[in-house]
């Protein structure tokens, strides 16, 4: 199940000490043409286009 559109997210992996945590917004969904998996299209702060991520790669920001 994909994360709903307009949900604030951050990478699920821990951030190394001294690095900034990214924050983004799920703007759309896409289907992987090879696996058929539904992906979340995330627009990160400062980027020009959305990038695809699986649900388990993202954490919802409260």
Protein backbone atom coordinates (compact mmCIF):
# COMPACT_ATOMS: atom_id res chain seq x y z
CA UNK A 1 0.00 0.00 0.00
CA UNK A 2 1.39 3.37 -0.94
CA UNK A 3 1.65 6.41 1.26
CA UNK A 4 -1.09 8.96 0.60
CA UNK A 5 -0.40 12.01 -1.56
CA UNK A 6 0.64 15.21 0.26
CA UNK A 7 2.15 13.23 3.15
CA UNK A 8 5.41 14.60 4.57
CA UNK A 9 8.17 11.97 4.57
CA UNK A 10 11.84 11.50 5.39
CA UNK A 11 14.24 8.63 4.58
CA UNK A 12 13.76 5.65 6.90
CA UNK A 13 17.51 5.01 7.21
CA UNK A 14 19.28 6.71 10.14
CA UNK A 15 21.22 9.84 9.18
CA UNK A 16 24.98 9.76 9.90
CA UNK A 17 26.18 12.21 12.57
CA UNK A 18 26.75 15.69 11.17
CA UNK A 19 24.43 15.19 8.16
CA UNK A 20 21.09 16.93 7.66
CA UNK A 21 17.88 14.90 7.45
CA UNK A 22 15.95 15.33 4.18
CA UNK A 23 12.26 16.20 4.22
CA UNK A 24 9.98 15.70 1.25
CA UNK A 25 6.40 15.35 0.12
CA UNK A 26 4.69 12.45 -1.66
CA UNK A 27 3.34 14.11 -4.80
CA UNK A 28 2.21 11.10 -6.86
CA UNK A 29 2.50 7.35 -7.38
CA UNK A 30 4.05 5.29 -10.17
CA UNK A 31 4.33 1.62 -11.14
CA UNK A 32 7.73 0.00 -11.63
CA UNK A 33 7.68 -1.35 -15.20
CA UNK A 34 9.81 -4.40 -14.30
CA UNK A 35 8.47 -5.57 -10.93
CA UNK A 36 5.01 -3.99 -11.11
CA UNK A 37 5.45 -2.56 -7.61
CA UNK A 38 3.65 0.68 -6.76
CA UNK A 39 6.13 3.41 -5.84
CA UNK A 40 5.78 6.76 -4.05
CA UNK A 41 7.00 9.76 -6.03
CA UNK A 42 8.70 12.09 -3.55
CA UNK A 43 9.63 15.73 -4.16
CA UNK A 44 12.53 16.55 -1.85
CA UNK A 45 13.17 20.14 -0.72
CA UNK A 46 15.40 21.82 -3.30
CA UNK A 47 14.86 19.28 -6.11
CA UNK A 48 13.27 19.89 -9.50
CA UNK A 49 11.57 16.53 -10.06
CA UNK A 50 10.11 13.75 -7.95
CA UNK A 51 12.01 10.51 -7.35
CA UNK A 52 10.50 7.01 -6.80
CA UNK A 53 10.71 5.21 -3.43
CA UNK A 54 9.23 2.03 -1.93
CA UNK A 55 7.11 2.34 1.23
CA UNK A 56 9.82 0.73 3.37
CA UNK A 57 12.39 3.35 2.30
CA UNK A 58 10.33 6.20 3.78
CA UNK A 59 9.13 7.26 7.23
CA UNK A 60 6.12 9.52 7.72
CA UNK A 61 6.89 12.83 9.46
CA UNK A 62 4.60 13.58 12.40
